[in-house]
Amino acid sequence: MSGETTGWVNAVAWTPSEASSSSDPTSSLTLVSGGNDGSVKWWDLRSPRIPLATLNSNQSSVDKYKVLAVDFYRSGNQIVSGGSDCKLSMHALDGNKA
């Protein structure tokens, strides 16, 4: 992964197998990452230079916010992230907060 990511990548999660076997057989080639830059990014490994989506996370005003954990929720339609602000955030893959 290059291009759009700045800083360390702290967490990576592959698309769950139940999501990849449903409507889109190529979704097994996607993953989500979270990093020191405070972003959660959804990637397609066939085009790794630019993420499919950059999802906004909670931003702490005291410290620079870092995403420390990411995972897909349920069937892969949502992503949950946790960070240095000790909060969990839910994200829909359309880029909106869930």
PDB file of N, CA and C in Angstrom:
ATOM      1  N   MET A   1       0.845  -1.175   0.000  1.00  0.00           N
ATOM      2  CA  MET A   1       0.000   0.000   0.000  1.00  0.00           C
ATOM      3  C   MET A   1       0.887   1.233   0.000  1.00  0.00           C
ATOM      4  N   SER A   2       0.672   2.074  -0.928  1.00  0.00           N
ATOM      5  CA  SER A   2       1.479   3.280  -1.007  1.00  0.00           C
ATOM      6  C   SER A   2       0.597   4.440  -1.423  1.00  0.00           C
ATOM      7  N   GLY A   3       1.217   5.555  -1.727  1.00  0.00           N
ATOM      8  CA  GLY A   3       0.470   6.693  -2.238  1.00  0.00           C
ATOM      9  C   GLY A   3      -0.238   7.477  -1.167  1.00  0.00           C
ATOM     10  N   GLU A   4      -1.422   7.074  -0.798  1.00  0.00           N
ATOM     11  CA  GLU A   4      -2.280   7.869   0.063  1.00  0.00           C
ATOM     12  C   GLU A   4      -2.026   7.706   1.550  1.00  0.00           C
ATOM     13  N   THR A   5      -1.316   6.673   1.983  1.00  0.00           N
ATOM     14  CA  THR A   5      -1.109   6.447   3.404  1.00  0.00           C
ATOM     15  C   THR A   5       0.077   7.261   3.894  1.00  0.00           C
ATOM     16  N   THR A   6      -0.118   7.988   5.006  1.00  0.00           N
ATOM     17  CA  THR A   6       0.993   8.703   5.622  1.00  0.00           C
ATOM     18  C   THR A   6       1.181   8.159   7.025  1.00  0.00           C
ATOM     19  N   GLY A   7       2.394   7.883   7.402  1.00  0.00           N
ATOM     20  CA  GLY A   7       2.670   7.341   8.735  1.00  0.00           C
ATOM     21  C   GLY A   7       2.542   5.827   8.766  1.00  0.00           C
ATOM     22  N   TRP A   8       2.608   5.296   9.969  1.00  0.00           N
ATOM     23  CA  TRP A   8       2.559   3.854  10.191  1.00  0.00           C
ATOM     24  C   TRP A   8       1.158   3.306   9.985  1.00  0.00           C
ATOM     25  N   VAL A   9       1.082   2.097   9.449  1.00  0.00           N
ATOM     26  CA  VAL A   9      -0.165   1.335   9.413  1.00  0.00           C
ATOM     27  C   VAL A   9      -0.160   0.442  10.646  1.00  0.00           C
ATOM     28  N   ASN A  10      -1.157   0.611  11.524  1.00  0.00           N
ATOM     29  CA  ASN A  10      -1.208  -0.121  12.787  1.00  0.00           C
ATOM     30  C   ASN A  10      -2.080  -1.360  12.743  1.00  0.00           C
ATOM     31  N   ALA A  11      -3.037  -1.408  11.816  1.00  0.00           N
ATOM     32  CA  ALA A  11      -3.986  -2.520  11.806  1.00  0.00           C
ATOM     33  C   ALA A  11      -4.452  -2.798  10.383  1.00  0.00           C
ATOM     34  N   VAL A  12      -4.665  -4.082  10.086  1.00  0.00           N
ATOM     35  CA  VAL A  12      -5.158  -4.510   8.781  1.00  0.00           C
ATOM     36  C   VAL A  12      -6.150  -5.645   9.006  1.00  0.00           C
ATOM     37  N   ALA A  13      -7.254  -5.631   8.250  1.00  0.00           N
ATOM     38  CA  ALA A  13      -8.231  -6.724   8.308  1.00  0.00           C
ATOM     39  C   ALA A  13      -8.680  -7.054   6.891  1.00  0.00           C
ATOM     40  N   TRP A  14      -8.692  -8.349   6.565  1.00  0.00           N
ATOM     41  CA  TRP A  14      -9.173  -8.809   5.272  1.00  0.00           C
ATOM     42  C   TRP A  14     -10.687  -8.841   5.257  1.00  0.00           C
ATOM     43  N   THR A  15     -11.281  -8.697   4.074  1.00  0.00           N
ATOM     44  CA  THR A  15     -12.722  -8.834   3.925  1.00  0.00           C
ATOM     45  C   THR A  15     -13.123 -10.228   4.407  1.00  0.00           C
ATOM     46  N   PRO A  16     -14.186 -10.328   5.232  1.00  0.00           N
ATOM     47  CA  PRO A  16     -14.583 -11.651   5.726  1.00  0.00           C
ATOM     48  C   PRO A  16     -15.026 -12.576   4.597  1.00  0.00           C
ATOM     49  N   SER A  17     -14.839 -13.870   4.804  1.00  0.00           N
ATOM     50  CA  SER A  17     -15.135 -14.846   3.755  1.00  0.00           C
ATOM     51  C   SER A  17     -16.609 -14.867   3.374  1.00  0.00           C
ATOM     52  N   GLU A  18     -17.521 -14.615   4.315  1.00  0.00           N
ATOM     53  CA  GLU A  18     -18.937 -14.602   3.961  1.00  0.00           C
ATOM     54  C   GLU A  18     -19.289 -13.429   3.054  1.00  0.00           C
ATOM     55  N   ALA A  19     -18.550 -12.331   3.141  1.00  0.00           N
ATOM     56  CA  ALA A  19     -18.777 -11.199   2.235  1.00  0.00           C
ATOM     57  C   ALA A  19     -18.222 -11.504   0.854  1.00  0.00           C
ATOM     58  N   SER A  20     -17.079 -12.169   0.798  1.00  0.00           N
ATOM     59  CA  SER A  20     -16.472 -12.439  -0.502  1.00  0.00           C
ATOM     60  C   SER A  20     -17.208 -13.527  -1.271  1.00  0.00           C
ATOM     61  N   SER A  21     -17.982 -14.356  -0.589  1.00  0.00           N
ATOM     62  CA  SER A  21     -18.702 -15.404  -1.304  1.00  0.00           C
ATOM     63  C   SER A  21     -20.098 -14.972  -1.723  1.00  0.00           C
ATOM     64  N   SER A  22     -20.494 -13.765  -1.335  1.00  0.00           N
ATOM     65  CA  SER A  22     -21.835 -13.296  -1.675  1.00  0.00           C
ATOM     66  C   SER A  22     -21.868 -12.678  -3.066  1.00  0.00           C
ATOM     67  N   SER A  23     -22.260 -11.448  -3.184  1.00  0.00           N
ATOM     68  CA  SER A  23     -22.527 -10.843  -4.490  1.00  0.00           C
ATOM     69  C   SER A  23     -21.275 -10.548  -5.313  1.00  0.00           C
ATOM     70  N   ASP A  24     -20.156 -10.289  -4.687  1.00  0.00           N
ATOM     71  CA  ASP A  24     -18.959  -9.899  -5.428  1.00  0.00           C
ATOM     72  C   ASP A  24     -17.812 -10.859  -5.134  1.00  0.00           C
ATOM     73  N   PRO A  25     -17.506 -11.772  -6.032  1.00  0.00           N
ATOM     74  CA  PRO A  25     -16.439 -12.735  -5.770  1.00  0.00           C
ATOM     75  C   PRO A  25     -15.057 -12.110  -5.702  1.00  0.00           C
ATOM     76  N   THR A  26     -14.876 -10.880  -6.185  1.00  0.00           N
ATOM     77  CA  THR A  26     -13.567 -10.225  -6.117  1.00  0.00           C
ATOM     78  C   THR A  26     -13.353  -9.497  -4.800  1.00  0.00           C
ATOM     79  N   SER A  27     -14.361  -9.449  -3.926  1.00  0.00           N
ATOM     80  CA  SER A  27     -14.188  -8.719  -2.678  1.00  0.00           C
ATOM     81  C   SER A  27     -13.187  -9.391  -1.748  1.00  0.00           C
ATOM     82  N   SER A  28     -12.796 -10.634  -2.039  1.00  0.00           N
ATOM     83  CA  SER A  28     -11.737 -11.266  -1.250  1.00  0.00           C
ATOM     84  C   SER A  28     -10.394 -10.587  -1.495  1.00  0.00           C
ATOM     85  N   LEU A  29     -10.344  -9.708  -2.469  1.00  0.00           N
ATOM     86  CA  LEU A  29      -9.127  -8.961  -2.775  1.00  0.00           C
ATOM     87  C   LEU A  29      -9.116  -7.595  -2.113  1.00  0.00           C
ATOM     88  N   THR A  30     -10.012  -7.372  -1.146  1.00  0.00           N
ATOM     89  CA  THR A  30     -10.056  -6.084  -0.462  1.00  0.00           C
ATOM     90  C   THR A  30      -9.709  -6.257   1.010  1.00  0.00           C
ATOM     91  N   LEU A  31      -9.206  -5.174   1.578  1.00  0.00           N
ATOM     92  CA  LEU A  31      -8.901  -5.143   3.002  1.00  0.00           C
ATOM     93  C   LEU A  31      -9.088  -3.727   3.511  1.00  0.00           C
ATOM     94  N   VAL A  32      -9.057  -3.593   4.817  1.00  0.00           N
ATOM     95  CA  VAL A  32      -9.179  -2.287   5.445  1.00  0.00           C
ATOM     96  C   VAL A  32      -7.951  -2.087   6.334  1.00  0.00           C
ATOM     97  N   SER A  33      -7.480  -0.830   6.407  1.00  0.00           N
ATOM     98  CA  SER A  33      -6.312  -0.526   7.240  1.00  0.00           C
ATOM     99  C   SER A  33      -6.605   0.684   8.113  1.00  0.00           C
ATOM    100  N   GLY A  34      -5.871   0.775   9.201  1.00  0.00           N
ATOM    101  CA  GLY A  34      -5.947   1.929  10.095  1.00  0.00           C
ATOM    102  C   GLY A  34      -4.544   2.326  10.491  1.00  0.00           C
ATOM    103  N   GLY A  35      -4.308   3.639  10.624  1.00  0.00           N
ATOM    104  CA  GLY A  35      -2.940   4.055  10.875  1.00  0.00           C
ATOM    105  C   GLY A  35      -2.770   5.246  11.783  1.00  0.00           C
ATOM    106  N   ASN A  36      -1.507   5.621  11.925  1.00  0.00           N
ATOM    107  CA  ASN A  36      -1.138   6.759  12.771  1.00  0.00           C
ATOM    108  C   ASN A  36      -1.673   8.079  12.260  1.00  0.00           C
ATOM    109  N   ASP A  37      -2.055   8.149  10.987  1.00  0.00           N
ATOM    110  CA  ASP A  37      -2.588   9.398  10.454  1.00  0.00           C
ATOM    111  C   ASP A  37      -4.066   9.584  10.800  1.00  0.00           C
ATOM    112  N   GLY A  38      -4.659   8.624  11.556  1.00  0.00           N
ATOM    113  CA  GLY A  38      -6.041   8.752  12.001  1.00  0.00           C
ATOM    114  C   GLY A  38      -7.067   8.294  10.989  1.00  0.00           C
ATOM    115  N   SER A  39      -6.627   7.706   9.882  1.00  0.00           N
ATOM    116  CA  SER A  39      -7.572   7.321   8.843  1.00  0.00           C
ATOM    117  C   SER A  39      -7.822   5.822   8.842  1.00  0.00           C
ATOM    118  N   VAL A  40      -9.008   5.464   8.362  1.00  0.00           N
ATOM    119  CA  VAL A  40      -9.372   4.085   8.069  1.00  0.00           C
ATOM    120  C   VAL A  40      -9.553   4.040   6.557  1.00  0.00           C
ATOM    121  N   LYS A  41      -8.833   3.130   5.906  1.00  0.00           N
ATOM    122  CA  LYS A  41      -8.871   3.088   4.441  1.00  0.00           C
ATOM    123  C   LYS A  41      -9.259   1.695   3.962  1.00  0.00           C
ATOM    124  N   TRP A  42     -10.082   1.688   2.919  1.00  0.00           N
ATOM    125  CA  TRP A  42     -10.544   0.450   2.292  1.00  0.00           C
ATOM    126  C   TRP A  42      -9.790   0.291   0.988  1.00  0.00           C
ATOM    127  N   TRP A  43      -9.102  -0.846   0.803  1.00  0.00           N
ATOM    128  CA  TRP A  43      -8.188  -1.047  -0.310  1.00  0.00           C
ATOM    129  C   TRP A  43      -8.625  -2.201  -1.193  1.00  0.00           C
ATOM    130  N   ASP A  44      -8.357  -2.082  -2.478  1.00  0.00           N
ATOM    131  CA  ASP A  44      -8.464  -3.175  -3.440  1.00  0.00           C
ATOM    132  C   ASP A  44      -7.031  -3.512  -3.840  1.00  0.00           C
ATOM    133  N   LEU A  45      -6.600  -4.745  -3.588  1.00  0.00           N
ATOM    134  CA  LEU A  45      -5.212  -5.112  -3.831  1.00  0.00           C
ATOM    135  C   LEU A  45      -4.828  -5.100  -5.303  1.00  0.00           C
ATOM    136  N   ARG A  46      -5.814  -5.066  -6.186  1.00  0.00           N
ATOM    137  CA  ARG A  46      -5.506  -4.979  -7.617  1.00  0.00           C
ATOM    138  C   ARG A  46      -5.079  -3.568  -8.009  1.00  0.00           C
ATOM    139  N   SER A  47      -5.441  -2.564  -7.192  1.00  0.00           N
ATOM    140  CA  SER A  47      -5.062  -1.163  -7.429  1.00  0.00           C
ATOM    141  C   SER A  47      -4.612  -0.555  -6.102  1.00  0.00           C
ATOM    142  N   PRO A  48      -3.451  -0.947  -5.586  1.00  0.00           N
ATOM    143  CA  PRO A  48      -3.071  -0.566  -4.227  1.00  0.00           C
ATOM    144  C   PRO A  48      -2.570   0.865  -4.033  1.00  0.00           C
ATOM    145  N   ARG A  49      -2.439   1.636  -5.080  1.00  0.00           N
ATOM    146  CA  ARG A  49      -1.911   2.994  -4.913  1.00  0.00           C
ATOM    147  C   ARG A  49      -2.934   3.983  -4.370  1.00  0.00           C
ATOM    148  N   ILE A  50      -4.201   3.753  -4.669  1.00  0.00           N
ATOM    149  CA  ILE A  50      -5.254   4.666  -4.224  1.00  0.00           C
ATOM    150  C   ILE A  50      -6.340   3.850  -3.532  1.00  0.00           C
ATOM    151  N   PRO A  51      -6.737   4.215  -2.301  1.00  0.00           N
ATOM    152  CA  PRO A  51      -7.773   3.443  -1.604  1.00  0.00           C
ATOM    153  C   PRO A  51      -9.133   3.610  -2.276  1.00  0.00           C
ATOM    154  N   LEU A  52      -9.973   2.577  -2.129  1.00  0.00           N
ATOM    155  CA  LEU A  52     -11.349   2.669  -2.613  1.00  0.00           C
ATOM    156  C   LEU A  52     -12.113   3.751  -1.856  1.00  0.00           C
ATOM    157  N   ALA A  53     -11.814   3.874  -0.568  1.00  0.00           N
ATOM    158  CA  ALA A  53     -12.467   4.891   0.260  1.00  0.00           C
ATOM    159  C   ALA A  53     -11.571   5.206   1.446  1.00  0.00           C
ATOM    160  N   THR A  54     -11.629   6.445   1.896  1.00  0.00           N
ATOM    161  CA  THR A  54     -11.005   6.857   3.141  1.00  0.00           C
ATOM    162  C   THR A  54     -12.129   7.264   4.070  1.00  0.00           C
ATOM    163  N   LEU A  55     -12.228   6.559   5.176  1.00  0.00           N
ATOM    164  CA  LEU A  55     -13.319   6.764   6.119  1.00  0.00           C
ATOM    165  C   LEU A  55     -12.821   7.591   7.294  1.00  0.00           C
ATOM    166  N   ASN A  56     -13.577   8.599   7.670  1.00  0.00           N
ATOM    167  CA  ASN A  56     -13.185   9.461   8.777  1.00  0.00           C
ATOM    168  C   ASN A  56     -13.410   8.749  10.099  1.00  0.00           C
ATOM    169  N   SER A  57     -12.478   8.935  11.016  1.00  0.00           N
ATOM    170  CA  SER A  57     -12.575   8.382  12.357  1.00  0.00           C
ATOM    171  C   SER A  57     -12.741   9.511  13.350  1.00  0.00           C
ATOM    172  N   ASN A  58     -13.010   9.153  14.605  1.00  0.00           N
ATOM    173  CA  ASN A  58     -13.064  10.167  15.656  1.00  0.00           C
ATOM    174  C   ASN A  58     -11.698  10.819  15.747  1.00  0.00           C
ATOM    175  N   GLN A  59     -11.666  12.118  15.836  1.00  0.00           N
ATOM    176  CA  GLN A  59     -10.410  12.845  15.965  1.00  0.00           C
ATOM    177  C   GLN A  59     -10.347  13.485  17.348  1.00  0.00           C
ATOM    178  N   SER A  60      -9.348  13.133  18.113  1.00  0.00           N
ATOM    179  CA  SER A  60      -9.168  13.710  19.435  1.00  0.00           C
ATOM    180  C   SER A  60      -8.494  15.070  19.297  1.00  0.00           C
ATOM    181  N   SER A  61      -9.024  16.070  19.980  1.00  0.00           N
ATOM    182  CA  SER A  61      -8.436  17.402  19.886  1.00  0.00           C
ATOM    183  C   SER A  61      -7.217  17.554  20.790  1.00  0.00           C
ATOM    184  N   VAL A  62      -7.046  16.642  21.766  1.00  0.00           N
ATOM    185  CA  VAL A  62      -5.920  16.745  22.696  1.00  0.00           C
ATOM    186  C   VAL A  62      -4.649  16.163  22.072  1.00  0.00           C
ATOM    187  N   ASP A  63      -4.733  14.961  21.565  1.00  0.00           N
ATOM    188  CA  ASP A  63      -3.584  14.278  20.977  1.00  0.00           C
ATOM    189  C   ASP A  63      -3.860  14.006  19.509  1.00  0.00           C
ATOM    190  N   LYS A  64      -2.803  13.739  18.767  1.00  0.00           N
ATOM    191  CA  LYS A  64      -2.994  13.291  17.399  1.00  0.00           C
ATOM    192  C   LYS A  64      -3.641  11.911  17.474  1.00  0.00           C
ATOM    193  N   TYR A  65      -4.795  11.772  16.868  1.00  0.00           N
ATOM    194  CA  TYR A  65      -5.555  10.528  16.909  1.00  0.00           C
ATOM    195  C   TYR A  65      -4.888   9.459  16.075  1.00  0.00           C
ATOM    196  N   LYS A  66      -4.795   8.239  16.598  1.00  0.00           N
ATOM    197  CA  LYS A  66      -4.231   7.103  15.887  1.00  0.00           C
ATOM    198  C   LYS A  66      -5.256   5.978  15.876  1.00  0.00           C
ATOM    199  N   VAL A  67      -5.433   5.349  14.725  1.00  0.00           N
ATOM    200  CA  VAL A  67      -6.273   4.163  14.640  1.00  0.00           C
ATOM    201  C   VAL A  67      -5.394   2.980  15.017  1.00  0.00           C
ATOM    202  N   LEU A  68      -5.825   2.227  16.037  1.00  0.00           N
ATOM    203  CA  LEU A  68      -5.033   1.117  16.545  1.00  0.00           C
ATOM    204  C   LEU A  68      -5.600  -0.251  16.186  1.00  0.00           C
ATOM    205  N   ALA A  69      -6.887  -0.307  15.821  1.00  0.00           N
ATOM    206  CA  ALA A  69      -7.529  -1.583  15.490  1.00  0.00           C
ATOM    207  C   ALA A  69      -8.631  -1.354  14.462  1.00  0.00           C
ATOM    208  N   VAL A  70      -8.775  -2.284  13.522  1.00  0.00           N
ATOM    209  CA  VAL A  70      -9.859  -2.263  12.537  1.00  0.00           C
ATOM    210  C   VAL A  70     -10.338  -3.690  12.310  1.00  0.00           C
ATOM    211  N   ASP A  71     -11.605  -3.823  11.993  1.00  0.00           N
ATOM    212  CA  ASP A  71     -12.146  -5.119  11.600  1.00  0.00           C
ATOM    213  C   ASP A  71     -13.471  -4.902  10.887  1.00  0.00           C
ATOM    214  N   PHE A  72     -13.861  -5.886  10.106  1.00  0.00           N
ATOM    215  CA  PHE A  72     -15.165  -5.846   9.461  1.00  0.00           C
ATOM    216  C   PHE A  72     -16.201  -6.316  10.461  1.00  0.00           C
ATOM    217  N   TYR A  73     -17.376  -5.719  10.402  1.00  0.00           N
ATOM    218  CA  TYR A  73     -18.467  -6.070  11.300  1.00  0.00           C
ATOM    219  C   TYR A  73     -19.502  -6.879  10.535  1.00  0.00           C
ATOM    220  N   ARG A  74     -19.872  -7.992  11.117  1.00  0.00           N
ATOM    221  CA  ARG A  74     -20.863  -8.916  10.551  1.00  0.00           C
ATOM    222  C   ARG A  74     -20.481  -9.372   9.157  1.00  0.00           C
ATOM    223  N   SER A  75     -21.297  -9.115   8.155  1.00  0.00           N
ATOM    224  CA  SER A  75     -21.072  -9.679   6.822  1.00  0.00           C
ATOM    225  C   SER A  75     -20.127  -8.841   5.963  1.00  0.00           C
ATOM    226  N   GLY A  76     -19.481  -7.854   6.527  1.00  0.00           N
ATOM    227  CA  GLY A  76     -18.526  -7.062   5.761  1.00  0.00           C
ATOM    228  C   GLY A  76     -19.075  -5.764   5.215  1.00  0.00           C
ATOM    229  N   ASN A  77     -20.292  -5.390   5.592  1.00  0.00           N
ATOM    230  CA  ASN A  77     -20.880  -4.134   5.114  1.00  0.00           C
ATOM    231  C   ASN A  77     -20.475  -2.931   5.947  1.00  0.00           C
ATOM    232  N   GLN A  78     -19.930  -3.186   7.125  1.00  0.00           N
ATOM    233  CA  GLN A  78     -19.503  -2.117   8.012  1.00  0.00           C
ATOM    234  C   GLN A  78     -18.127  -2.445   8.576  1.00  0.00           C
ATOM    235  N   ILE A  79     -17.437  -1.397   9.006  1.00  0.00           N
ATOM    236  CA  ILE A  79     -16.116  -1.535   9.604  1.00  0.00           C
ATOM    237  C   ILE A  79     -16.170  -0.910  10.987  1.00  0.00           C
ATOM    238  N   VAL A  80     -15.532  -1.553  11.942  1.00  0.00           N
ATOM    239  CA  VAL A  80     -15.392  -0.986  13.279  1.00  0.00           C
ATOM    240  C   VAL A  80     -13.909  -0.658  13.477  1.00  0.00           C
ATOM    241  N   SER A  81     -13.654   0.503  14.073  1.00  0.00           N
ATOM    242  CA  SER A  81     -12.273   0.901  14.342  1.00  0.00           C
ATOM    243  C   SER A  81     -12.173   1.406  15.769  1.00  0.00           C
ATOM    244  N   GLY A  82     -11.004   1.268  16.335  1.00  0.00           N
ATOM    245  CA  GLY A  82     -10.725   1.771  17.676  1.00  0.00           C
ATOM    246  C   GLY A  82      -9.389   2.475  17.663  1.00  0.00           C
ATOM    247  N   GLY A  83      -9.266   3.470  18.531  1.00  0.00           N
ATOM    248  CA  GLY A  83      -8.037   4.232  18.472  1.00  0.00           C
ATOM    249  C   GLY A  83      -7.544   4.755  19.791  1.00  0.00           C
ATOM    250  N   SER A  84      -6.609   5.668  19.699  1.00  0.00           N
ATOM    251  CA  SER A  84      -5.944   6.222  20.864  1.00  0.00           C
ATOM    252  C   SER A  84      -6.863   7.065  21.741  1.00  0.00           C
ATOM    253  N   ASP A  85      -8.065   7.388  21.265  1.00  0.00           N
ATOM    254  CA  ASP A  85      -9.021   8.126  22.078  1.00  0.00           C
ATOM    255  C   ASP A  85      -9.902   7.190  22.909  1.00  0.00           C
ATOM    256  N   CYS A  86      -9.629   5.873  22.840  1.00  0.00           N
ATOM    257  CA  CYS A  86     -10.352   4.852  23.607  1.00  0.00           C
ATOM    258  C   CYS A  86     -11.825   4.756  23.225  1.00  0.00           C
ATOM    259  N   LYS A  87     -12.158   5.061  21.983  1.00  0.00           N
ATOM    260  CA  LYS A  87     -13.530   4.966  21.487  1.00  0.00           C
ATOM    261  C   LYS A  87     -13.570   4.036  20.288  1.00  0.00           C
ATOM    262  N   LEU A  88     -14.741   3.405  20.090  1.00  0.00           N
ATOM    263  CA  LEU A  88     -14.981   2.609  18.898  1.00  0.00           C
ATOM    264  C   LEU A  88     -15.817   3.421  17.933  1.00  0.00           C
ATOM    265  N   SER A  89     -15.538   3.296  16.650  1.00  0.00           N
ATOM    266  CA  SER A  89     -16.320   3.961  15.612  1.00  0.00           C
ATOM    267  C   SER A  89     -16.815   2.912  14.631  1.00  0.00           C
ATOM    268  N   MET A  90     -18.059   3.065  14.182  1.00  0.00           N
ATOM    269  CA  MET A  90     -18.623   2.205  13.149  1.00  0.00           C
ATOM    270  C   MET A  90     -18.677   3.008  11.857  1.00  0.00           C
ATOM    271  N   HIS A  91     -18.294   2.375  10.761  1.00  0.00           N
ATOM    272  CA  HIS A  91     -18.274   3.022   9.455  1.00  0.00           C
ATOM    273  C   HIS A  91     -18.999   2.138   8.448  1.00  0.00           C
ATOM    274  N   ALA A  92     -19.882   2.717   7.660  1.00  0.00           N
ATOM    275  CA  ALA A  92     -20.468   2.002   6.529  1.00  0.00           C
ATOM    276  C   ALA A  92     -19.496   2.106   5.364  1.00  0.00           C
ATOM    277  N   LEU A  93     -19.461   1.118   4.507  1.00  0.00           N
ATOM    278  CA  LEU A  93     -18.508   1.147   3.407  1.00  0.00           C
ATOM    279  C   LEU A  93     -18.833   2.195   2.356  1.00  0.00           C
ATOM    280  N   ASP A  94     -19.969   2.888   2.507  1.00  0.00           N
ATOM    281  CA  ASP A  94     -20.252   4.005   1.598  1.00  0.00           C
ATOM    282  C   ASP A  94     -19.612   5.293   2.109  1.00  0.00           C
ATOM    283  N   GLY A  95     -18.857   5.210   3.230  1.00  0.00           N
ATOM    284  CA  GLY A  95     -18.138   6.367   3.745  1.00  0.00           C
ATOM    285  C   GLY A  95     -18.856   7.121   4.853  1.00  0.00           C
ATOM    286  N   ASN A  96     -20.094   6.751   5.161  1.00  0.00           N
ATOM    287  CA  ASN A  96     -20.846   7.419   6.213  1.00  0.00           C
ATOM    288  C   ASN A  96     -20.626   6.717   7.548  1.00  0.00           C
ATOM    289  N   LYS A  97     -20.822   7.456   8.623  1.00  0.00           N
ATOM    290  CA  LYS A  97     -20.789   6.846   9.945  1.00  0.00           C
ATOM    291  C   LYS A  97     -21.994   5.922  10.059  1.00  0.00           C
ATOM    292  N   ALA A  98     -21.772   4.747  10.600  1.00  0.00           N
ATOM    293  CA  ALA A  98     -22.862   3.780  10.750  1.00  0.00           C
ATOM    294  C   ALA A  98     -23.598   3.998  12.061  1.00  0.00           C
TER     295      ALA A  98
END
